[in-house]
Protein backbone atom coordinates (compact mmCIF):
# COMPACT_ATOMS: atom_id res chain seq x y z
CA MET A 1 23.25 43.15 -55.67
CA LEU A 2 23.30 40.38 -53.08
CA ASP A 3 20.11 38.57 -52.13
CA LEU A 4 20.92 38.62 -48.42
CA ILE A 5 23.47 40.06 -46.04
CA ILE A 6 23.77 38.82 -42.46
CA LYS A 7 25.32 41.84 -40.83
CA GLY A 8 27.16 42.59 -37.59
CA GLY A 9 27.51 39.09 -36.15
CA THR A 10 30.40 36.95 -34.95
CA VAL A 11 31.01 34.10 -37.38
CA ALA A 12 32.31 30.78 -36.02
CA THR A 13 33.54 27.76 -37.94
CA ALA A 14 35.16 24.54 -36.77
CA ALA A 15 38.53 26.26 -37.10
CA ASP A 16 38.09 29.93 -36.22
CA THR A 17 35.95 32.79 -34.88
CA PHE A 18 35.87 36.20 -36.55
CA ARG A 19 33.74 39.31 -37.11
CA ALA A 20 32.31 39.42 -40.60
CA ASP A 21 29.18 40.01 -42.60
CA VAL A 22 27.96 37.14 -44.76
CA GLY A 23 26.79 37.80 -48.31
CA VAL A 24 24.43 35.39 -50.07
CA ARG A 25 23.36 35.06 -53.70
CA ASP A 26 21.27 32.25 -55.23
CA GLY A 27 21.39 30.25 -52.01
CA THR A 28 25.19 30.25 -51.82
CA ILE A 29 27.66 32.17 -49.66
CA VAL A 30 29.52 34.47 -52.05
CA ALA A 31 31.14 37.04 -49.76
CA LEU A 32 32.63 37.32 -46.26
CA GLY A 33 33.87 40.64 -44.93
CA LEU A 34 32.70 44.13 -44.11
CA ASP A 35 30.93 46.72 -46.26
CA LEU A 36 29.54 44.14 -48.66
CA GLY A 37 27.33 46.65 -50.44
CA ALA A 38 23.61 46.41 -51.10
CA ALA A 39 21.28 43.46 -50.67
CA ALA A 40 17.60 42.78 -51.19
CA GLU A 41 17.40 41.74 -47.55
CA VAL A 42 19.58 42.47 -44.51
CA ILE A 43 19.43 40.55 -41.24
CA ASP A 44 20.95 42.27 -38.23
CA ALA A 45 23.02 39.77 -36.23
CA SER A 46 24.56 42.25 -33.79
CA ASN A 47 25.53 40.58 -30.50
CA LYS A 48 24.71 37.24 -32.06
CA LEU A 49 26.71 34.21 -33.21
CA VAL A 50 26.51 33.29 -36.89
CA LEU A 51 27.07 29.53 -37.12
CA PRO A 52 26.75 26.84 -39.77
CA GLY A 53 23.26 25.39 -39.65
CA GLY A 54 23.11 22.22 -37.61
CA ILE A 55 23.12 18.87 -39.38
CA ASP A 56 21.41 16.14 -37.41
CA SER A 57 22.66 12.97 -39.08
CA HIS A 58 20.65 10.51 -36.99
CA VAL A 59 16.88 11.01 -36.97
CA HIS A 60 13.88 8.74 -37.49
CA ILE A 61 10.84 10.26 -39.21
CA ALA A 62 7.58 8.56 -40.28
CA GLN A 63 9.29 5.18 -39.98
CA PRO A 64 7.41 1.86 -39.59
CA SER A 65 7.61 0.95 -35.90
CA GLY A 66 5.67 -2.25 -35.36
CA GLU A 67 2.06 -3.37 -35.44
CA GLY A 68 -0.26 -0.71 -34.07
CA ILE A 69 2.57 1.75 -33.35
CA VAL A 70 2.74 5.11 -35.12
CA MET A 71 5.71 7.47 -35.03
CA ALA A 72 4.76 10.94 -33.77
CA ASP A 73 6.46 12.97 -36.49
CA ASP A 74 5.89 13.23 -40.20
CA PHE A 75 8.28 15.27 -42.31
CA GLU A 76 6.34 18.49 -41.84
CA SER A 77 6.46 18.42 -38.04
CA ALA A 78 9.95 16.92 -37.73
CA THR A 79 11.63 19.38 -40.07
CA ARG A 80 9.75 22.31 -38.54
CA SER A 81 11.03 21.22 -35.13
CA ALA A 82 14.53 20.80 -36.56
CA ALA A 83 14.49 24.35 -37.94
CA PHE A 84 13.47 25.82 -34.59
CA GLY A 85 16.43 23.95 -33.10
CA GLY A 86 18.94 25.62 -35.42
CA ASN A 87 19.19 22.75 -37.91
CA THR A 88 19.28 23.25 -41.66
CA ALA A 89 19.55 19.57 -42.66
CA VAL A 90 18.47 16.25 -41.19
CA MET A 91 19.36 12.72 -42.22
CA PRO A 92 16.51 10.23 -41.69
CA PHE A 93 16.59 6.47 -42.26
CA VAL A 94 14.83 4.50 -44.96
CA LEU A 95 13.95 1.18 -43.31
CA GLN A 96 13.94 -1.78 -45.66
CA GLU A 97 10.78 -3.73 -44.88
CA ARG A 98 10.93 -7.51 -45.07
CA GLY A 99 9.88 -8.84 -48.46
CA THR A 100 10.09 -5.41 -50.08
CA PRO A 101 12.92 -4.36 -52.42
CA LEU A 102 14.98 -1.51 -51.05
CA ARG A 103 14.21 0.66 -54.07
CA THR A 104 10.47 0.27 -53.49
CA THR A 105 10.79 1.33 -49.87
CA LEU A 106 12.94 4.30 -50.86
CA ALA A 107 10.39 5.50 -53.41
CA ALA A 108 7.64 5.38 -50.79
CA TYR A 109 9.81 7.31 -48.36
CA HIS A 110 10.54 10.03 -50.90
CA ALA A 111 6.79 10.39 -51.37
CA LYS A 112 6.42 11.09 -47.65
CA ALA A 113 9.14 13.77 -47.69
CA ASP A 114 8.71 15.53 -51.02
CA GLY A 115 7.08 18.92 -50.59
CA GLN A 116 6.78 18.44 -46.82
CA SER A 117 10.20 19.54 -45.50
CA TYR A 118 11.23 22.92 -44.14
CA VAL A 119 14.92 21.96 -44.10
CA ASP A 120 17.02 19.82 -46.42
CA VAL A 121 17.02 16.05 -45.97
CA SER A 122 19.38 13.30 -47.04
CA PHE A 123 18.49 9.66 -46.56
CA HIS A 124 20.48 6.84 -45.01
CA LEU A 125 19.42 3.29 -45.87
CA ILE A 126 18.73 0.52 -43.34
CA VAL A 127 19.58 -2.97 -44.57
CA SER A 128 17.38 -5.57 -42.89
CA GLU A 129 17.26 -8.21 -45.62
CA PRO A 130 20.75 -8.66 -47.10
CA ASN A 131 19.73 -11.00 -49.93
CA ALA A 132 21.24 -11.27 -53.39
CA GLN A 133 19.05 -8.55 -54.87
CA THR A 134 19.79 -6.09 -52.06
CA LEU A 135 23.54 -6.67 -52.00
CA GLY A 136 24.12 -7.37 -55.67
CA GLN A 137 21.76 -4.90 -57.32
CA ASP A 138 19.84 -2.41 -55.21
CA LEU A 139 22.50 -1.29 -52.76
CA PRO A 140 25.32 -0.72 -55.29
CA ALA A 141 22.97 1.21 -57.59
CA LEU A 142 21.58 3.36 -54.78
CA ILE A 143 25.06 4.17 -53.48
CA GLU A 144 25.95 5.29 -57.00
CA ASP A 145 22.85 7.51 -56.90
CA GLY A 146 24.10 9.34 -53.78
CA TYR A 147 22.71 7.29 -50.89
CA THR A 148 26.23 6.70 -49.64
CA SER A 149 25.64 5.44 -46.09
CA PHE A 150 23.61 2.70 -44.54
CA LYS A 151 22.87 1.32 -41.10
CA VAL A 152 22.80 -2.24 -39.80
CA PHE A 153 21.32 -3.45 -36.53
CA MET A 154 22.67 -6.04 -34.11
CA THR A 155 19.40 -6.02 -32.13
CA TYR A 156 15.59 -5.86 -32.60
CA GLU A 157 13.55 -8.73 -33.99
CA GLY A 158 13.31 -8.56 -37.76
CA LEU A 159 16.23 -6.12 -37.99
CA ALA A 160 19.17 -7.84 -36.27
CA LEU A 161 21.73 -9.31 -38.67
CA ASN A 162 23.86 -12.30 -37.76
CA ASP A 163 27.64 -12.17 -38.12
CA ARG A 164 27.67 -13.69 -41.61
CA GLU A 165 25.09 -11.17 -42.80
CA MET A 166 27.08 -8.34 -41.22
CA LEU A 167 30.19 -9.47 -43.09
CA GLU A 168 28.31 -9.65 -46.40
CA VAL A 169 26.93 -6.14 -45.94
CA MET A 170 30.32 -4.78 -44.90
CA ALA A 171 31.93 -6.39 -47.94
CA THR A 172 29.40 -4.62 -50.17
CA ALA A 173 30.22 -1.34 -48.44
CA ARG A 174 33.92 -1.85 -49.09
CA GLU A 175 33.31 -2.59 -52.76
CA THR A 176 31.03 0.40 -53.28
CA GLY A 177 32.61 3.05 -51.02
CA ALA A 178 29.67 3.37 -48.63
CA LEU A 179 29.92 4.19 -44.93
CA VAL A 180 28.56 1.57 -42.50
CA MET A 181 26.72 2.70 -39.36
CA VAL A 182 26.14 0.09 -36.63
CA HIS A 183 23.61 -0.09 -33.80
CA ALA A 184 25.71 -2.21 -31.47
CA GLU A 185 23.76 -4.25 -28.91
CA ASN A 186 23.76 -8.05 -28.53
CA ASN A 187 20.25 -9.24 -29.43
CA ASP A 188 20.51 -12.73 -27.90
CA ALA A 189 21.80 -11.31 -24.62
CA ILE A 190 18.93 -8.81 -24.50
CA ARG A 191 16.34 -11.52 -25.12
CA PHE A 192 17.90 -13.70 -22.42
CA LEU A 193 17.89 -10.91 -19.85
CA ALA A 194 14.41 -9.67 -20.78
CA ASP A 195 12.97 -13.17 -20.38
CA ARG A 196 14.52 -13.53 -16.93
CA LEU A 197 13.26 -10.13 -15.81
CA GLU A 198 9.75 -10.89 -16.98
CA ARG A 199 9.71 -14.26 -15.21
CA ALA A 200 10.67 -12.40 -12.04
CA GLY A 201 7.76 -9.99 -12.51
CA LYS A 202 10.06 -7.08 -13.26
CA THR A 203 8.15 -5.54 -16.15
CA ALA A 204 8.03 -1.78 -15.38
CA PRO A 205 9.71 0.62 -17.84
CA PHE A 206 12.69 0.93 -15.47
CA PHE A 207 13.73 -2.63 -16.32
CA HIS A 208 14.38 -1.65 -19.92
CA GLY A 209 17.79 -0.54 -18.60
CA PRO A 210 18.70 -3.81 -16.82
CA SER A 211 17.66 -5.71 -19.96
CA ARG A 212 20.32 -3.79 -21.92
CA PRO A 213 23.25 -3.35 -19.52
CA ILE A 214 26.66 -2.05 -20.55
CA PRO A 215 28.19 -5.48 -21.38
CA VAL A 216 25.49 -5.93 -24.04
CA GLU A 217 26.66 -2.75 -25.79
CA ARG A 218 30.37 -3.28 -25.12
CA GLU A 219 30.41 -6.81 -26.56
CA ALA A 220 28.49 -5.83 -29.68
CA THR A 221 30.78 -2.82 -30.21
CA HIS A 222 33.83 -5.08 -29.99
CA ARG A 223 32.26 -7.62 -32.36
CA ALA A 224 31.22 -4.99 -34.90
CA ILE A 225 34.75 -3.59 -34.93
CA SER A 226 36.22 -7.09 -35.28
CA LEU A 227 33.98 -7.91 -38.23
CA ALA A 228 34.85 -4.59 -39.88
CA GLU A 229 38.54 -5.37 -39.38
CA LEU A 230 38.12 -8.73 -41.15
CA VAL A 231 36.68 -6.98 -44.20
CA ASP A 232 38.87 -3.86 -43.88
CA VAL A 233 36.01 -1.40 -43.93
CA PRO A 234 35.56 1.75 -41.81
CA VAL A 235 32.65 1.66 -39.37
CA LEU A 236 30.72 4.22 -37.31
CA ILE A 237 29.33 3.05 -33.97
CA VAL A 238 26.21 5.12 -33.35
CA HIS A 239 24.61 6.37 -30.09
CA VAL A 240 27.39 5.23 -27.75
CA SER A 241 26.29 5.51 -24.12
CA ASN A 242 29.17 4.49 -21.88
CA ARG A 243 32.89 4.38 -21.16
CA GLU A 244 33.39 0.68 -21.93
CA ALA A 245 32.06 0.99 -25.49
CA MET A 246 34.15 4.16 -25.90
CA GLU A 247 37.24 2.20 -24.85
CA GLU A 248 36.57 -0.36 -27.59
CA ILE A 249 36.58 2.47 -30.15
CA SER A 250 39.75 4.01 -28.70
CA ARG A 251 41.59 0.67 -28.63
CA ALA A 252 40.68 0.01 -32.24
CA ARG A 253 41.98 3.42 -33.27
CA ARG A 254 45.26 2.84 -31.49
CA ARG A 255 45.64 -0.27 -33.66
CA GLY A 256 45.16 1.87 -36.74
CA LEU A 257 41.56 0.91 -37.52
CA LYS A 258 39.14 3.45 -38.99
CA VAL A 259 36.43 3.40 -36.34
CA TYR A 260 34.25 6.42 -35.61
CA GLY A 261 31.89 7.23 -32.76
CA GLU A 262 28.64 9.10 -32.17
CA THR A 263 26.86 10.07 -28.96
CA CYS A 264 23.61 11.87 -28.16
CA PRO A 265 22.07 14.30 -25.63
CA GLN A 266 20.32 11.57 -23.64
CA TYR A 267 23.69 10.23 -22.57
CA LEU A 268 24.81 13.64 -21.33
CA VAL A 269 21.81 14.82 -19.28
CA LEU A 270 19.52 11.82 -18.61
CA THR A 271 20.21 8.81 -16.37
CA GLU A 272 18.72 5.37 -15.76
CA LYS A 273 16.82 6.83 -12.79
CA ASP A 274 14.61 8.75 -15.21
CA MET A 275 13.04 5.43 -16.27
CA ASP A 276 11.93 4.80 -12.68
CA GLY A 277 8.98 7.20 -12.70
CA LEU A 278 5.61 6.49 -11.10
CA ASN A 279 3.12 4.36 -13.03
CA MET A 280 4.30 4.39 -16.67
CA GLU A 281 6.10 7.76 -16.59
CA GLY A 282 9.42 6.00 -17.05
CA ALA A 283 8.32 4.97 -20.54
CA LYS A 284 9.00 8.54 -21.67
CA TYR A 285 12.73 7.84 -21.35
CA VAL A 286 12.90 4.38 -22.94
CA CYS A 287 15.46 4.40 -25.75
CA SER A 288 18.25 2.09 -26.82
CA PRO A 289 20.90 1.99 -25.62
CA PRO A 290 19.34 3.28 -22.40
CA PRO A 291 20.69 6.22 -20.40
CA ARG A 292 23.32 5.15 -17.89
CA ASP A 293 24.56 6.84 -14.69
CA ALA A 294 26.41 10.05 -13.83
CA ALA A 295 29.83 8.42 -14.23
CA HIS A 296 29.05 7.44 -17.80
CA GLN A 297 27.64 10.89 -18.48
CA GLN A 298 31.06 12.22 -17.55
CA ALA A 299 32.71 9.64 -19.77
CA CYS A 300 30.63 10.77 -22.74
CA TRP A 301 31.66 14.38 -22.12
CA GLU A 302 35.28 13.22 -22.13
CA GLY A 303 34.60 11.45 -25.43
CA LEU A 304 33.38 14.72 -26.94
CA GLN A 305 36.35 16.63 -25.56
CA GLN A 306 38.97 14.10 -26.66
CA GLY A 307 37.61 13.25 -30.10
CA VAL A 308 36.37 9.73 -29.42
CA PHE A 309 33.07 11.00 -30.76
CA ASP A 310 33.20 12.51 -34.23
CA VAL A 311 29.54 13.51 -34.38
CA PHE A 312 26.78 14.47 -31.95
CA SER A 313 23.27 13.53 -33.06
CA SER A 314 19.84 13.45 -31.46
CA ASP A 315 18.68 9.95 -32.46
CA HIS A 316 15.29 11.69 -32.66
CA CYS A 317 12.78 8.83 -32.61
CA PRO A 318 9.49 10.32 -31.42
CA PHE A 319 6.40 8.59 -30.10
CA ARG A 320 3.46 10.06 -28.29
CA TYR A 321 3.27 9.09 -24.63
CA ASP A 322 -0.43 9.20 -23.79
CA ASP A 323 -1.52 7.35 -26.91
CA PRO A 324 -2.53 3.72 -27.60
CA ALA A 325 -0.39 3.93 -30.74
CA GLY A 326 2.61 5.24 -28.76
CA LYS A 327 4.36 4.59 -25.47
CA LEU A 328 1.13 3.55 -23.71
CA ASN A 329 0.03 0.99 -26.27
CA PRO A 330 -1.81 -1.98 -24.76
CA LYS A 331 1.17 -4.35 -24.91
CA GLY A 332 3.51 -1.62 -23.68
CA ARG A 333 1.48 -1.38 -20.48
CA THR A 334 2.24 -5.05 -19.77
CA SER A 335 6.04 -5.02 -20.12
CA PHE A 336 9.01 -2.77 -20.85
CA ARG A 337 9.89 -4.92 -23.85
CA TRP A 338 6.83 -3.65 -25.75
CA VAL A 339 7.34 0.06 -25.03
CA PRO A 340 8.41 1.71 -28.32
CA ASN A 341 12.11 2.54 -28.21
CA GLY A 342 12.94 6.16 -28.83
CA ILE A 343 12.60 9.73 -27.62
CA PRO A 344 12.12 13.11 -29.32
CA GLY A 345 15.11 15.46 -29.40
CA VAL A 346 15.85 17.08 -32.77
CA GLU A 347 14.88 20.56 -31.52
CA THR A 348 16.72 20.39 -28.19
CA ARG A 349 19.96 18.69 -29.35
CA LEU A 350 21.94 21.84 -30.06
CA PRO A 351 20.72 24.07 -27.19
CA ILE A 352 21.65 21.32 -24.71
CA LEU A 353 25.11 20.88 -26.24
CA PHE A 354 25.69 24.63 -26.44
CA SER A 355 24.58 25.35 -22.87
CA GLU A 356 26.12 22.32 -21.17
CA GLY A 357 29.16 22.25 -23.42
CA VAL A 358 30.20 25.74 -24.54
CA GLY A 359 28.45 27.57 -21.71
CA LYS A 360 30.07 25.43 -19.03
CA ARG A 361 33.44 25.38 -20.81
CA ARG A 362 33.46 21.66 -21.39
CA ILE A 363 34.01 22.24 -25.12
CA THR A 364 34.99 25.22 -27.22
CA LEU A 365 32.74 27.03 -29.68
CA GLN A 366 34.83 25.53 -32.49
CA GLN A 367 34.23 22.03 -31.13
CA PHE A 368 30.52 22.79 -30.95
CA VAL A 369 30.48 23.75 -34.63
CA ALA A 370 32.40 20.61 -35.58
CA LEU A 371 30.17 18.32 -33.53
CA SER A 372 26.93 19.96 -34.61
CA ALA A 373 27.55 20.50 -38.32
CA THR A 374 31.00 20.33 -39.91
CA ASN A 375 31.91 16.77 -38.98
CA HIS A 376 28.49 15.50 -40.09
CA ALA A 377 28.97 17.05 -43.53
CA ARG A 378 32.45 15.55 -43.87
CA MET A 379 31.46 12.15 -42.51
CA TYR A 380 28.56 11.73 -44.91
CA GLY A 381 29.69 13.46 -48.10
CA LEU A 382 27.58 16.65 -47.86
CA THR A 383 30.18 18.59 -49.77
CA THR A 384 28.43 21.98 -49.84
CA LYS A 385 27.23 22.03 -46.24
CA GLY A 386 28.57 22.29 -42.71
CA SER A 387 30.69 25.43 -42.83
CA ILE A 388 30.52 29.16 -43.46
CA ALA A 389 32.82 29.73 -46.43
CA ILE A 390 32.57 31.13 -49.94
CA GLY A 391 30.96 28.59 -52.26
CA MET A 392 29.08 26.73 -49.53
CA ASP A 393 25.31 26.54 -49.19
CA ALA A 394 23.98 29.47 -47.16
CA ASP A 395 22.79 27.17 -44.36
CA ILE A 396 23.13 29.39 -41.32
CA ALA A 397 21.83 29.52 -37.75
CA ILE A 398 21.95 32.79 -35.84
CA TRP A 399 22.28 32.20 -32.10
CA ASP A 400 21.61 34.44 -29.14
CA PRO A 401 24.25 33.17 -26.70
CA GLU A 402 22.64 35.02 -23.77
CA ARG A 403 19.07 33.84 -24.23
CA GLU A 404 17.94 31.70 -21.30
CA VAL A 405 15.22 29.11 -21.89
CA THR A 406 13.67 26.44 -19.72
CA ILE A 407 12.80 23.56 -22.02
CA ARG A 408 9.06 22.86 -21.94
CA GLN A 409 6.88 20.72 -24.16
CA SER A 410 4.63 23.74 -24.65
CA GLY A 411 7.46 25.61 -26.37
CA LEU A 412 8.54 22.88 -28.79
CA HIS A 413 7.35 22.05 -32.29
CA HIS A 414 7.63 18.27 -32.72
CA GLY A 415 4.70 15.87 -33.02
CA SER A 416 5.22 14.16 -29.69
CA ASP A 417 3.18 15.11 -26.63
CA TYR A 418 6.16 15.35 -24.27
CA THR A 419 9.88 16.06 -24.11
CA PRO A 420 12.26 13.96 -22.01
CA TYR A 421 14.18 17.17 -21.31
CA GLU A 422 11.26 18.92 -19.58
CA GLY A 423 12.45 21.52 -17.06
CA ILE A 424 16.12 21.63 -18.14
CA SER A 425 17.36 25.24 -18.23
CA VAL A 426 19.72 26.24 -21.01
CA LYS A 427 21.56 29.40 -21.94
CA GLY A 428 22.00 30.02 -25.66
CA TRP A 429 19.29 29.45 -28.26
CA PRO A 430 19.01 29.67 -32.07
CA VAL A 431 16.72 32.55 -33.04
CA THR A 432 16.97 32.52 -36.85
CA THR A 433 17.52 29.56 -39.18
CA ILE A 434 18.36 30.08 -42.85
CA VAL A 435 18.28 27.24 -45.39
CA ARG A 436 20.08 27.90 -48.69
CA GLY A 437 19.71 31.63 -48.24
CA ARG A 438 16.04 31.68 -47.22
CA PRO A 439 14.93 32.26 -43.63
CA VAL A 440 12.78 29.39 -42.34
CA VAL A 441 12.64 30.61 -38.74
CA ARG A 442 13.21 34.33 -38.13
CA ASP A 443 13.34 35.86 -34.66
CA GLY A 444 11.63 32.79 -33.27
CA GLU A 445 8.77 32.76 -35.80
CA LEU A 446 8.15 30.29 -38.61
CA VAL A 447 8.41 32.19 -41.91
CA GLY A 448 9.54 29.53 -44.39
CA ALA A 449 7.61 27.22 -46.67
CA LYS A 450 7.50 23.51 -45.96
CA ALA A 451 8.27 22.81 -49.61
CA HIS A 452 11.62 24.63 -49.41
CA GLY A 453 13.55 21.65 -48.10
CA ARG A 454 14.84 19.22 -50.69
CA HIS A 455 16.59 15.86 -50.77
CA VAL A 456 20.37 16.07 -51.17
CA ALA A 457 22.31 13.32 -52.89
CA ARG A 458 25.73 12.80 -51.35
CA ALA A 459 29.26 12.08 -52.50
CA ARG A 460 31.23 9.14 -51.21
CA SER A 461 32.99 10.08 -48.01
CA ALA A 462 36.72 9.98 -47.43
CA TYR A 463 35.84 8.58 -44.01
CA ALA A 464 34.62 5.41 -45.79
CA THR A 465 37.93 4.74 -47.57
CA PRO A 466 39.42 1.43 -46.33
CA ARG A 467 42.92 1.36 -44.87
CA GLY A 468 43.99 -0.86 -47.73
CA GLY A 469 42.63 1.57 -50.32
């Protein structure tokens, strides 16, 4: 007997769409077809889409965020919100704190997540202190243990690496088979522009955008690609916001370089004008890179359609708005440069992409599956996730493609006190989320245990293989 049959739905993968029932045993998909026999539990998916559970490969949870600043989500609230958004796995970042060995930080982060996650998690590393111990000992050992991707920053005080440090980290990635993710913005240019804006009295949240204009992102993208070319290591440019940075990725690919791209919902449906709200309302939309204009929104859609972007992530980085430890902290009230960077979005990522993408025929259902799940699994070495096939984890989201929802903070499940997507109407919503064969959300109700989610070690990714082998 099967443990679970998902019956009567339309299954979609990154390659195909077909009518089939899905049979599950011991958390694994073991049968696809009709008349699968008996099961301990049957879920009726008639008139629904049966899709691979979403994988959000770029989220920040319970991460140190500066003196006096507290992130709005712990693992319980973030993974609950993820499950309601049709996600079965999230990939948060372990931020190496200055003066602390990477292994020590990782152990503390596991303690935050263990027993507190509704969906599976798999950690990226953030390298902020590329010293001999980090590069020679900790990082190679952790990559061997299944932490096979890490992120480097080209901006933010205390995080930004200089070019020599970037090269050293990239060389370690090449030697160990890890995938390098890059936040590409020029830190010196941002500081220069922010200082000038402040001297001119331009300190409102809106001026976060002018402090980080497109040339800041374009230049850093070009430089990151150039450094990766020197070392011959693949690189993923995360949260790309505009056409010029996209063109840097496309040009590199035409030259045969292994450069990948990621974009996010804020660059599809928000604009710089959202940061121009009355009083401090614009702080709700402060993230980096900032939202651009309608023309660059269109460019990002083209990037999804044409394959410039391999993955679509939320960059979920939640802070409370009306909170002295969040967006309205005392220093944040004085200048845009002290407003915590980041917005919540793990729950709304997929409904926005489905409605604006599939619903408006900008992308196909197969592209949606690839961008929401399959490509993430392939990019990051999650070998048993991201597709509906025999032998894969039974990570499944059942979608009602006709359900119409107006996004409201009152209907979401994250720890923040607002959503930047307030009032956006979408058509298509995940109604049931199943993680390794167990329903976590069923018919819009939380039914799973927060201890069900577990950390997943990852294989090295083929995407990280250098051109030179």
